[in-house]
PDB file of N, CA and C in Angstrom:
ATOM      1  N   MET A   1     129.755  35.717  40.368  1.00  0.00           N
ATOM      2  CA  MET A   1     130.043  35.610  41.790  1.00  0.00           C
ATOM      3  C   MET A   1     129.932  34.158  42.232  1.00  0.00           C
ATOM      4  N   ARG A   2     130.848  33.754  43.066  1.00  0.00           N
ATOM      5  CA  ARG A   2     130.843  32.411  43.636  1.00  0.00           C
ATOM      6  C   ARG A   2     130.289  32.491  45.056  1.00  0.00           C
ATOM      7  N   LEU A   3     129.581  31.471  45.464  1.00  0.00           N
ATOM      8  CA  LEU A   3     129.021  31.402  46.809  1.00  0.00           C
ATOM      9  C   LEU A   3     129.967  30.628  47.714  1.00  0.00           C
ATOM     10  N   SER A   4     129.820  30.808  49.015  1.00  0.00           N
ATOM     11  CA  SER A   4     130.627  30.028  49.944  1.00  0.00           C
ATOM     12  C   SER A   4     130.015  28.641  50.116  1.00  0.00           C
ATOM     13  N   ARG A   5     130.853  27.707  50.445  1.00  0.00           N
ATOM     14  CA  ARG A   5     130.395  26.334  50.706  1.00  0.00           C
ATOM     15  C   ARG A   5     129.337  26.345  51.810  1.00  0.00           C
ATOM     16  N   GLU A   6     129.602  27.098  52.851  1.00  0.00           N
ATOM     17  CA  GLU A   6     128.690  27.174  53.988  1.00  0.00           C
ATOM     18  C   GLU A   6     127.325  27.720  53.574  1.00  0.00           C
ATOM     19  N   ARG A   7     127.328  28.728  52.709  1.00  0.00           N
ATOM     20  CA  ARG A   7     126.076  29.326  52.237  1.00  0.00           C
ATOM     21  C   ARG A   7     125.262  28.315  51.437  1.00  0.00           C
ATOM     22  N   VAL A   8     125.910  27.599  50.532  1.00  0.00           N
ATOM     23  CA  VAL A   8     125.217  26.615  49.706  1.00  0.00           C
ATOM     24  C   VAL A   8     124.599  25.533  50.589  1.00  0.00           C
ATOM     25  N   ILE A   9     125.381  24.993  51.509  1.00  0.00           N
ATOM     26  CA  ILE A   9     124.892  23.952  52.413  1.00  0.00           C
ATOM     27  C   ILE A   9     123.735  24.468  53.259  1.00  0.00           C
ATOM     28  N   ALA A  10     123.866  25.663  53.808  1.00  0.00           N
ATOM     29  CA  ALA A  10     122.813  26.231  54.654  1.00  0.00           C
ATOM     30  C   ALA A  10     121.526  26.461  53.864  1.00  0.00           C
ATOM     31  N   ASP A  11     121.653  26.955  52.654  1.00  0.00           N
ATOM     32  CA  ASP A  11     120.466  27.199  51.829  1.00  0.00           C
ATOM     33  C   ASP A  11     119.777  25.893  51.448  1.00  0.00           C
ATOM     34  N   ILE A  12     120.540  24.893  51.084  1.00  0.00           N
ATOM     35  CA  ILE A  12     119.948  23.595  50.749  1.00  0.00           C
ATOM     36  C   ILE A  12     119.225  23.030  51.964  1.00  0.00           C
ATOM     37  N   ALA A  13     119.892  23.040  53.109  1.00  0.00           N
ATOM     38  CA  ALA A  13     119.282  22.529  54.338  1.00  0.00           C
ATOM     39  C   ALA A  13     117.997  23.280  54.662  1.00  0.00           C
ATOM     40  N   ASP A  14     117.999  24.575  54.457  1.00  0.00           N
ATOM     41  CA  ASP A  14     116.822  25.399  54.744  1.00  0.00           C
ATOM     42  C   ASP A  14     115.626  24.976  53.905  1.00  0.00           C
ATOM     43  N   VAL A  15     115.794  24.863  52.603  1.00  0.00           N
ATOM     44  CA  VAL A  15     114.647  24.534  51.745  1.00  0.00           C
ATOM     45  C   VAL A  15     114.216  23.074  51.874  1.00  0.00           C
ATOM     46  N   LEU A  16     115.121  22.203  52.317  1.00  0.00           N
ATOM     47  CA  LEU A  16     114.762  20.796  52.490  1.00  0.00           C
ATOM     48  C   LEU A  16     114.390  20.453  53.932  1.00  0.00           C
ATOM     49  N   HIS A  17     114.394  21.471  54.792  1.00  0.00           N
ATOM     50  CA  HIS A  17     114.017  21.299  56.206  1.00  0.00           C
ATOM     51  C   HIS A  17     114.824  20.179  56.869  1.00  0.00           C
ATOM     52  N   THR A  18     116.128  20.285  56.724  1.00  0.00           N
ATOM     53  CA  THR A  18     117.043  19.326  57.328  1.00  0.00           C
ATOM     54  C   THR A  18     118.200  20.089  57.962  1.00  0.00           C
ATOM     55  N   GLU A  19     119.047  19.393  58.639  1.00  0.00           N
ATOM     56  CA  GLU A  19     120.218  20.007  59.251  1.00  0.00           C
ATOM     57  C   GLU A  19     121.385  19.987  58.273  1.00  0.00           C
ATOM     58  N   PRO A  20     122.193  21.042  58.265  1.00  0.00           N
ATOM     59  CA  PRO A  20     123.368  21.059  57.384  1.00  0.00           C
ATOM     60  C   PRO A  20     124.280  19.848  57.587  1.00  0.00           C
ATOM     61  N   THR A  21     124.344  19.331  58.789  1.00  0.00           N
ATOM     62  CA  THR A  21     125.201  18.176  59.070  1.00  0.00           C
ATOM     63  C   THR A  21     124.702  16.903  58.387  1.00  0.00           C
ATOM     64  N   GLU A  22     123.473  16.904  57.907  1.00  0.00           N
ATOM     65  CA  GLU A  22     122.919  15.757  57.187  1.00  0.00           C
ATOM     66  C   GLU A  22     123.332  15.734  55.716  1.00  0.00           C
ATOM     67  N   LEU A  23     123.947  16.812  55.259  1.00  0.00           N
ATOM     68  CA  LEU A  23     124.314  16.940  53.852  1.00  0.00           C
ATOM     69  C   LEU A  23     125.793  16.625  53.657  1.00  0.00           C
ATOM     70  N   HIS A  24     126.064  15.652  52.801  1.00  0.00           N
ATOM     71  CA  HIS A  24     127.428  15.226  52.501  1.00  0.00           C
ATOM     72  C   HIS A  24     127.644  15.340  50.993  1.00  0.00           C
ATOM     73  N   THR A  25     128.867  15.297  50.558  1.00  0.00           N
ATOM     74  CA  THR A  25     129.143  15.501  49.134  1.00  0.00           C
ATOM     75  C   THR A  25     128.446  14.488  48.239  1.00  0.00           C
ATOM     76  N   ASP A  26     128.163  13.305  48.746  1.00  0.00           N
ATOM     77  CA  ASP A  26     127.500  12.294  47.921  1.00  0.00           C
ATOM     78  C   ASP A  26     125.983  12.233  48.130  1.00  0.00           C
ATOM     79  N   THR A  27     125.434  13.170  48.877  1.00  0.00           N
ATOM     80  CA  THR A  27     123.994  13.182  49.132  1.00  0.00           C
ATOM     81  C   THR A  27     123.219  13.534  47.867  1.00  0.00           C
ATOM     82  N   ASP A  28     122.320  12.640  47.481  1.00  0.00           N
ATOM     83  CA  ASP A  28     121.413  12.890  46.358  1.00  0.00           C
ATOM     84  C   ASP A  28     120.226  13.662  46.926  1.00  0.00           C
ATOM     85  N   LEU A  29     120.065  14.879  46.472  1.00  0.00           N
ATOM     86  CA  LEU A  29     119.061  15.764  47.050  1.00  0.00           C
ATOM     87  C   LEU A  29     117.632  15.346  46.739  1.00  0.00           C
ATOM     88  N   THR A  30     117.422  14.585  45.696  1.00  0.00           N
ATOM     89  CA  THR A  30     116.067  14.096  45.426  1.00  0.00           C
ATOM     90  C   THR A  30     115.629  13.118  46.509  1.00  0.00           C
ATOM     91  N   ASP A  31     116.579  12.415  47.108  1.00  0.00           N
ATOM     92  CA  ASP A  31     116.260  11.504  48.211  1.00  0.00           C
ATOM     93  C   ASP A  31     115.785  12.259  49.446  1.00  0.00           C
ATOM     94  N   LEU A  32     116.145  13.532  49.540  1.00  0.00           N
ATOM     95  CA  LEU A  32     115.736  14.357  50.679  1.00  0.00           C
ATOM     96  C   LEU A  32     114.517  15.224  50.373  1.00  0.00           C
ATOM     97  N   GLY A  33     113.930  15.035  49.202  1.00  0.00           N
ATOM     98  CA  GLY A  33     112.707  15.758  48.866  1.00  0.00           C
ATOM     99  C   GLY A  33     112.867  16.923  47.917  1.00  0.00           C
ATOM    100  N   LEU A  34     114.031  17.068  47.285  1.00  0.00           N
ATOM    101  CA  LEU A  34     114.197  18.150  46.320  1.00  0.00           C
ATOM    102  C   LEU A  34     113.234  17.936  45.155  1.00  0.00           C
ATOM    103  N   ASP A  35     112.474  18.965  44.860  1.00  0.00           N
ATOM    104  CA  ASP A  35     111.572  18.944  43.711  1.00  0.00           C
ATOM    105  C   ASP A  35     111.777  20.240  42.937  1.00  0.00           C
ATOM    106  N   SER A  36     111.032  20.425  41.869  1.00  0.00           N
ATOM    107  CA  SER A  36     111.246  21.595  41.014  1.00  0.00           C
ATOM    108  C   SER A  36     110.951  22.904  41.733  1.00  0.00           C
ATOM    109  N   ILE A  37     109.999  22.913  42.629  1.00  0.00           N
ATOM    110  CA  ILE A  37     109.677  24.139  43.379  1.00  0.00           C
ATOM    111  C   ILE A  37     110.839  24.520  44.290  1.00  0.00           C
ATOM    112  N   ARG A  38     111.358  23.564  45.018  1.00  0.00           N
ATOM    113  CA  ARG A  38     112.481  23.842  45.924  1.00  0.00           C
ATOM    114  C   ARG A  38     113.739  24.228  45.140  1.00  0.00           C
ATOM    115  N   LEU A  39     113.956  23.564  44.027  1.00  0.00           N
ATOM    116  CA  LEU A  39     115.111  23.909  43.198  1.00  0.00           C
ATOM    117  C   LEU A  39     114.974  25.326  42.653  1.00  0.00           C
ATOM    118  N   THR A  40     113.800  25.690  42.219  1.00  0.00           N
ATOM    119  CA  THR A  40     113.562  27.057  41.738  1.00  0.00           C
ATOM    120  C   THR A  40     113.824  28.071  42.848  1.00  0.00           C
ATOM    121  N   THR A  41     113.399  27.748  44.055  1.00  0.00           N
ATOM    122  CA  THR A  41     113.646  28.628  45.203  1.00  0.00           C
ATOM    123  C   THR A  41     115.143  28.837  45.405  1.00  0.00           C
ATOM    124  N   LEU A  42     115.914  27.764  45.338  1.00  0.00           N
ATOM    125  CA  LEU A  42     117.365  27.872  45.505  1.00  0.00           C
ATOM    126  C   LEU A  42     118.003  28.682  44.383  1.00  0.00           C
ATOM    127  N   VAL A  43     117.624  28.386  43.152  1.00  0.00           N
ATOM    128  CA  VAL A  43     118.187  29.118  42.016  1.00  0.00           C
ATOM    129  C   VAL A  43     117.879  30.600  42.132  1.00  0.00           C
ATOM    130  N   ASP A  44     116.650  30.944  42.464  1.00  0.00           N
ATOM    131  CA  ASP A  44     116.272  32.353  42.630  1.00  0.00           C
ATOM    132  C   ASP A  44     117.078  33.011  43.744  1.00  0.00           C
ATOM    133  N   ARG A  45     117.242  32.316  44.840  1.00  0.00           N
ATOM    134  CA  ARG A  45     117.996  32.849  45.992  1.00  0.00           C
ATOM    135  C   ARG A  45     119.445  33.107  45.594  1.00  0.00           C
ATOM    136  N   TRP A  46     120.042  32.154  44.904  1.00  0.00           N
ATOM    137  CA  TRP A  46     121.454  32.283  44.537  1.00  0.00           C
ATOM    138  C   TRP A  46     121.664  33.312  43.437  1.00  0.00           C
ATOM    139  N   ARG A  47     120.737  33.398  42.508  1.00  0.00           N
ATOM    140  CA  ARG A  47     120.841  34.435  41.475  1.00  0.00           C
ATOM    141  C   ARG A  47     120.716  35.825  42.087  1.00  0.00           C
ATOM    142  N   ALA A  48     119.838  35.970  43.073  1.00  0.00           N
ATOM    143  CA  ALA A  48     119.682  37.259  43.752  1.00  0.00           C
ATOM    144  C   ALA A  48     120.972  37.674  44.459  1.00  0.00           C
ATOM    145  N   SER A  49     121.798  36.692  44.788  1.00  0.00           N
ATOM    146  CA  SER A  49     123.089  36.967  45.422  1.00  0.00           C
ATOM    147  C   SER A  49     124.209  37.117  44.402  1.00  0.00           C
ATOM    148  N   GLY A  50     123.865  37.036  43.125  1.00  0.00           N
ATOM    149  CA  GLY A  50     124.850  37.261  42.077  1.00  0.00           C
ATOM    150  C   GLY A  50     125.426  36.019  41.426  1.00  0.00           C
ATOM    151  N   ALA A  51     124.989  34.850  41.840  1.00  0.00           N
ATOM    152  CA  ALA A  51     125.512  33.617  41.237  1.00  0.00           C
ATOM    153  C   ALA A  51     124.952  33.444  39.831  1.00  0.00           C
ATOM    154  N   GLN A  52     125.778  32.975  38.937  1.00  0.00           N
ATOM    155  CA  GLN A  52     125.384  32.692  37.568  1.00  0.00           C
ATOM    156  C   GLN A  52     125.084  31.198  37.486  1.00  0.00           C
ATOM    157  N   VAL A  53     123.840  30.832  37.729  1.00  0.00           N
ATOM    158  CA  VAL A  53     123.472  29.422  37.750  1.00  0.00           C
ATOM    159  C   VAL A  53     122.095  29.248  37.134  1.00  0.00           C
ATOM    160  N   GLY A  54     121.907  28.130  36.468  1.00  0.00           N
ATOM    161  CA  GLY A  54     120.626  27.852  35.845  1.00  0.00           C
ATOM    162  C   GLY A  54     119.948  26.633  36.440  1.00  0.00           C
ATOM    163  N   PHE A  55     118.640  26.601  36.320  1.00  0.00           N
ATOM    164  CA  PHE A  55     117.829  25.503  36.828  1.00  0.00           C
ATOM    165  C   PHE A  55     118.288  24.162  36.237  1.00  0.00           C
ATOM    166  N   ALA A  56     118.387  24.101  34.916  1.00  0.00           N
ATOM    167  CA  ALA A  56     118.738  22.847  34.241  1.00  0.00           C
ATOM    168  C   ALA A  56     120.113  22.339  34.656  1.00  0.00           C
ATOM    169  N   GLU A  57     121.031  23.258  34.851  1.00  0.00           N
ATOM    170  CA  GLU A  57     122.399  22.905  35.252  1.00  0.00           C
ATOM    171  C   GLU A  57     122.408  22.142  36.576  1.00  0.00           C
ATOM    172  N   LEU A  58     121.596  22.595  37.527  1.00  0.00           N
ATOM    173  CA  LEU A  58     121.535  21.936  38.833  1.00  0.00           C
ATOM    174  C   LEU A  58     120.627  20.714  38.811  1.00  0.00           C
ATOM    175  N   ALA A  59     119.540  20.783  38.057  1.00  0.00           N
ATOM    176  CA  ALA A  59     118.594  19.665  37.990  1.00  0.00           C
ATOM    177  C   ALA A  59     119.229  18.436  37.356  1.00  0.00           C
ATOM    178  N   ASP A  60     120.199  18.654  36.487  1.00  0.00           N
ATOM    179  CA  ASP A  60     120.853  17.554  35.785  1.00  0.00           C
ATOM    180  C   ASP A  60     121.548  16.587  36.739  1.00  0.00           C
ATOM    181  N   LYS A  61     122.119  17.097  37.810  1.00  0.00           N
ATOM    182  CA  LYS A  61     122.866  16.265  38.762  1.00  0.00           C
ATOM    183  C   LYS A  61     122.655  16.833  40.168  1.00  0.00           C
ATOM    184  N   PRO A  62     121.534  16.468  40.821  1.00  0.00           N
ATOM    185  CA  PRO A  62     121.206  17.035  42.136  1.00  0.00           C
ATOM    186  C   PRO A  62     121.946  16.354  43.286  1.00  0.00           C
ATOM    187  N   VAL A  63     123.263  16.473  43.262  1.00  0.00           N
ATOM    188  CA  VAL A  63     124.123  15.886  44.285  1.00  0.00           C
ATOM    189  C   VAL A  63     124.918  17.020  44.920  1.00  0.00           C
ATOM    190  N   VAL A  64     124.994  17.024  46.233  1.00  0.00           N
ATOM    191  CA  VAL A  64     125.631  18.127  46.963  1.00  0.00           C
ATOM    192  C   VAL A  64     127.023  18.436  46.426  1.00  0.00           C
ATOM    193  N   GLY A  65     127.861  17.448  46.271  1.00  0.00           N
ATOM    194  CA  GLY A  65     129.232  17.683  45.822  1.00  0.00           C
ATOM    195  C   GLY A  65     129.315  18.327  44.450  1.00  0.00           C
ATOM    196  N   VAL A  66     128.438  17.922  43.555  1.00  0.00           N
ATOM    197  CA  VAL A  66     128.409  18.507  42.212  1.00  0.00           C
ATOM    198  C   VAL A  66     127.986  19.967  42.303  1.00  0.00           C
ATOM    199  N   TRP A  67     126.986  20.245  43.106  1.00  0.00           N
ATOM    200  CA  TRP A  67     126.536  21.626  43.269  1.00  0.00           C
ATOM    201  C   TRP A  67     127.630  22.477  43.892  1.00  0.00           C
ATOM    202  N   LEU A  68     128.363  21.934  44.853  1.00  0.00           N
ATOM    203  CA  LEU A  68     129.443  22.711  45.463  1.00  0.00           C
ATOM    204  C   LEU A  68     130.507  23.061  44.426  1.00  0.00           C
ATOM    205  N   LEU A  69     130.826  22.131  43.548  1.00  0.00           N
ATOM    206  CA  LEU A  69     131.794  22.433  42.489  1.00  0.00           C
ATOM    207  C   LEU A  69     131.267  23.480  41.524  1.00  0.00           C
ATOM    208  N   THR A  70     129.981  23.467  41.283  1.00  0.00           N
ATOM    209  CA  THR A  70     129.353  24.409  40.363  1.00  0.00           C
ATOM    210  C   THR A  70     129.249  25.814  40.954  1.00  0.00           C
ATOM    211  N   LEU A  71     128.932  25.899  42.228  1.00  0.00           N
ATOM    212  CA  LEU A  71     128.561  27.175  42.848  1.00  0.00           C
ATOM    213  C   LEU A  71     129.656  27.847  43.680  1.00  0.00           C
ATOM    214  N   THR A  72     130.651  27.087  44.083  1.00  0.00           N
ATOM    215  CA  THR A  72     131.669  27.653  44.974  1.00  0.00           C
ATOM    216  C   THR A  72     133.035  27.678  44.297  1.00  0.00           C
ATOM    217  N   ASP A  73     134.005  28.135  45.026  1.00  0.00           N
ATOM    218  CA  ASP A  73     135.373  28.160  44.521  1.00  0.00           C
ATOM    219  C   ASP A  73     136.091  26.841  44.748  1.00  0.00           C
ATOM    220  N   ALA A  74     135.370  25.792  45.102  1.00  0.00           N
ATOM    221  CA  ALA A  74     135.989  24.504  45.422  1.00  0.00           C
ATOM    222  C   ALA A  74     136.791  23.947  44.257  1.00  0.00           C
ATOM    223  N   ALA A  75     136.358  24.216  43.042  1.00  0.00           N
ATOM    224  CA  ALA A  75     137.045  23.665  41.885  1.00  0.00           C
ATOM    225  C   ALA A  75     138.228  24.524  41.435  1.00  0.00           C
ATOM    226  N   ARG A  76     138.406  25.658  42.046  1.00  0.00           N
ATOM    227  CA  ARG A  76     139.473  26.576  41.613  1.00  0.00           C
ATOM    228  C   ARG A  76     140.679  26.501  42.492  1.00  0.00           C
TER     229      ARG A  76
END
């Protein structure tokens, strides 16, 4: 299952306690406080919604645009 762009942005903003409008495709999420606990929270949330995603896959490149390509239909 693929997630919507809006869902991914909203979930990231939620766990990082920021506004969705602060997130851009080139935003490095570690600069906003992403750590392993928050990343695990996101992965668990998205897996519960049916997304096929792994911790290492997202941790490798914690940039909004890369995650959108990984999690949404943006690349299709």
